[in-house]
Amino acid sequence: MIDVLVADDQELVRDGLRAVLEADAGIRVIGEAADGRSAVELARALRPTVVLMDVRMPVLDGIAATAEILADPPSPYVLVLTTFDLDEYIVAALRAGASGFLLKDAPRERIIEAVVRVANGEAQLAPQVARRLVERVLSASPTHPSRAGRLPDLSPRETDVLRLLARGLSNAEIAGRLYLAHTTVKSYVASVLAKLGVRDRVQATVAAYESGLVQPGGDRG
């Protein structure tokens, strides 16, 4: 069973998310928070599997709340609720440890899929958000010297996998691109995450961009 905490300052949004999530027999909503401080307190008390976290909330915003929640292991996965108007928060949320983003107007099946994927340790980054993250947010971030040399000692094949993963390719797509079995790619991804010291693909993507291994605006394919 996937236990979910919903954090949003709008009661109607919380009610809607609860209705959508609890329509799936494998998910239950164990708590609701109307502000970031309450989200932190409930996350520590209830220990949900996943927190659906709004960004703009009173008392404590979703970014700060995410950082506090994830600083207290064992921590849940955090899935940030966002809109196209929140580009400036995306990098901050990723660096705080969020496992992905979900658009508030996503269809119900996508919401359920996102929660299940994140609960299974997979990243969830809406393709539209991923493109904006790469092309607008990271390219607008302060530049710094490439830190590619600071990446862990990845093998050439692991480096290839990380580069494609950071471009948003799925395991199946990476397998096709590199002519590898799907299970082999899955093993490579697990090894890359372990060497980077991160727990999902979103955090690996951040590491790839910040190291200079992948550049915004480069070839996506």
Foldseek 3Di string as FASTA:
>chain_A
DFEEEEEALDPVLVVVLQVLQVVDVVYHYPYYHNALVVVLVCCVVVVGQEYEAEQDGPPDGRLVSLLSQVVDPPHHAYEYEDAPVPLQCVVSNVVSPHQEYDYSPDDSVVSNVQSVQVSVLEGYYPPVSLLCNQAPVLVPDDDDDAQLVVQFPQDPVLLLLLQLLLLVDDLVRSCVVVVHDSVVSVVSVVVSCVSRVHRYSSNSNVVCDRNVVDHRPDDSD
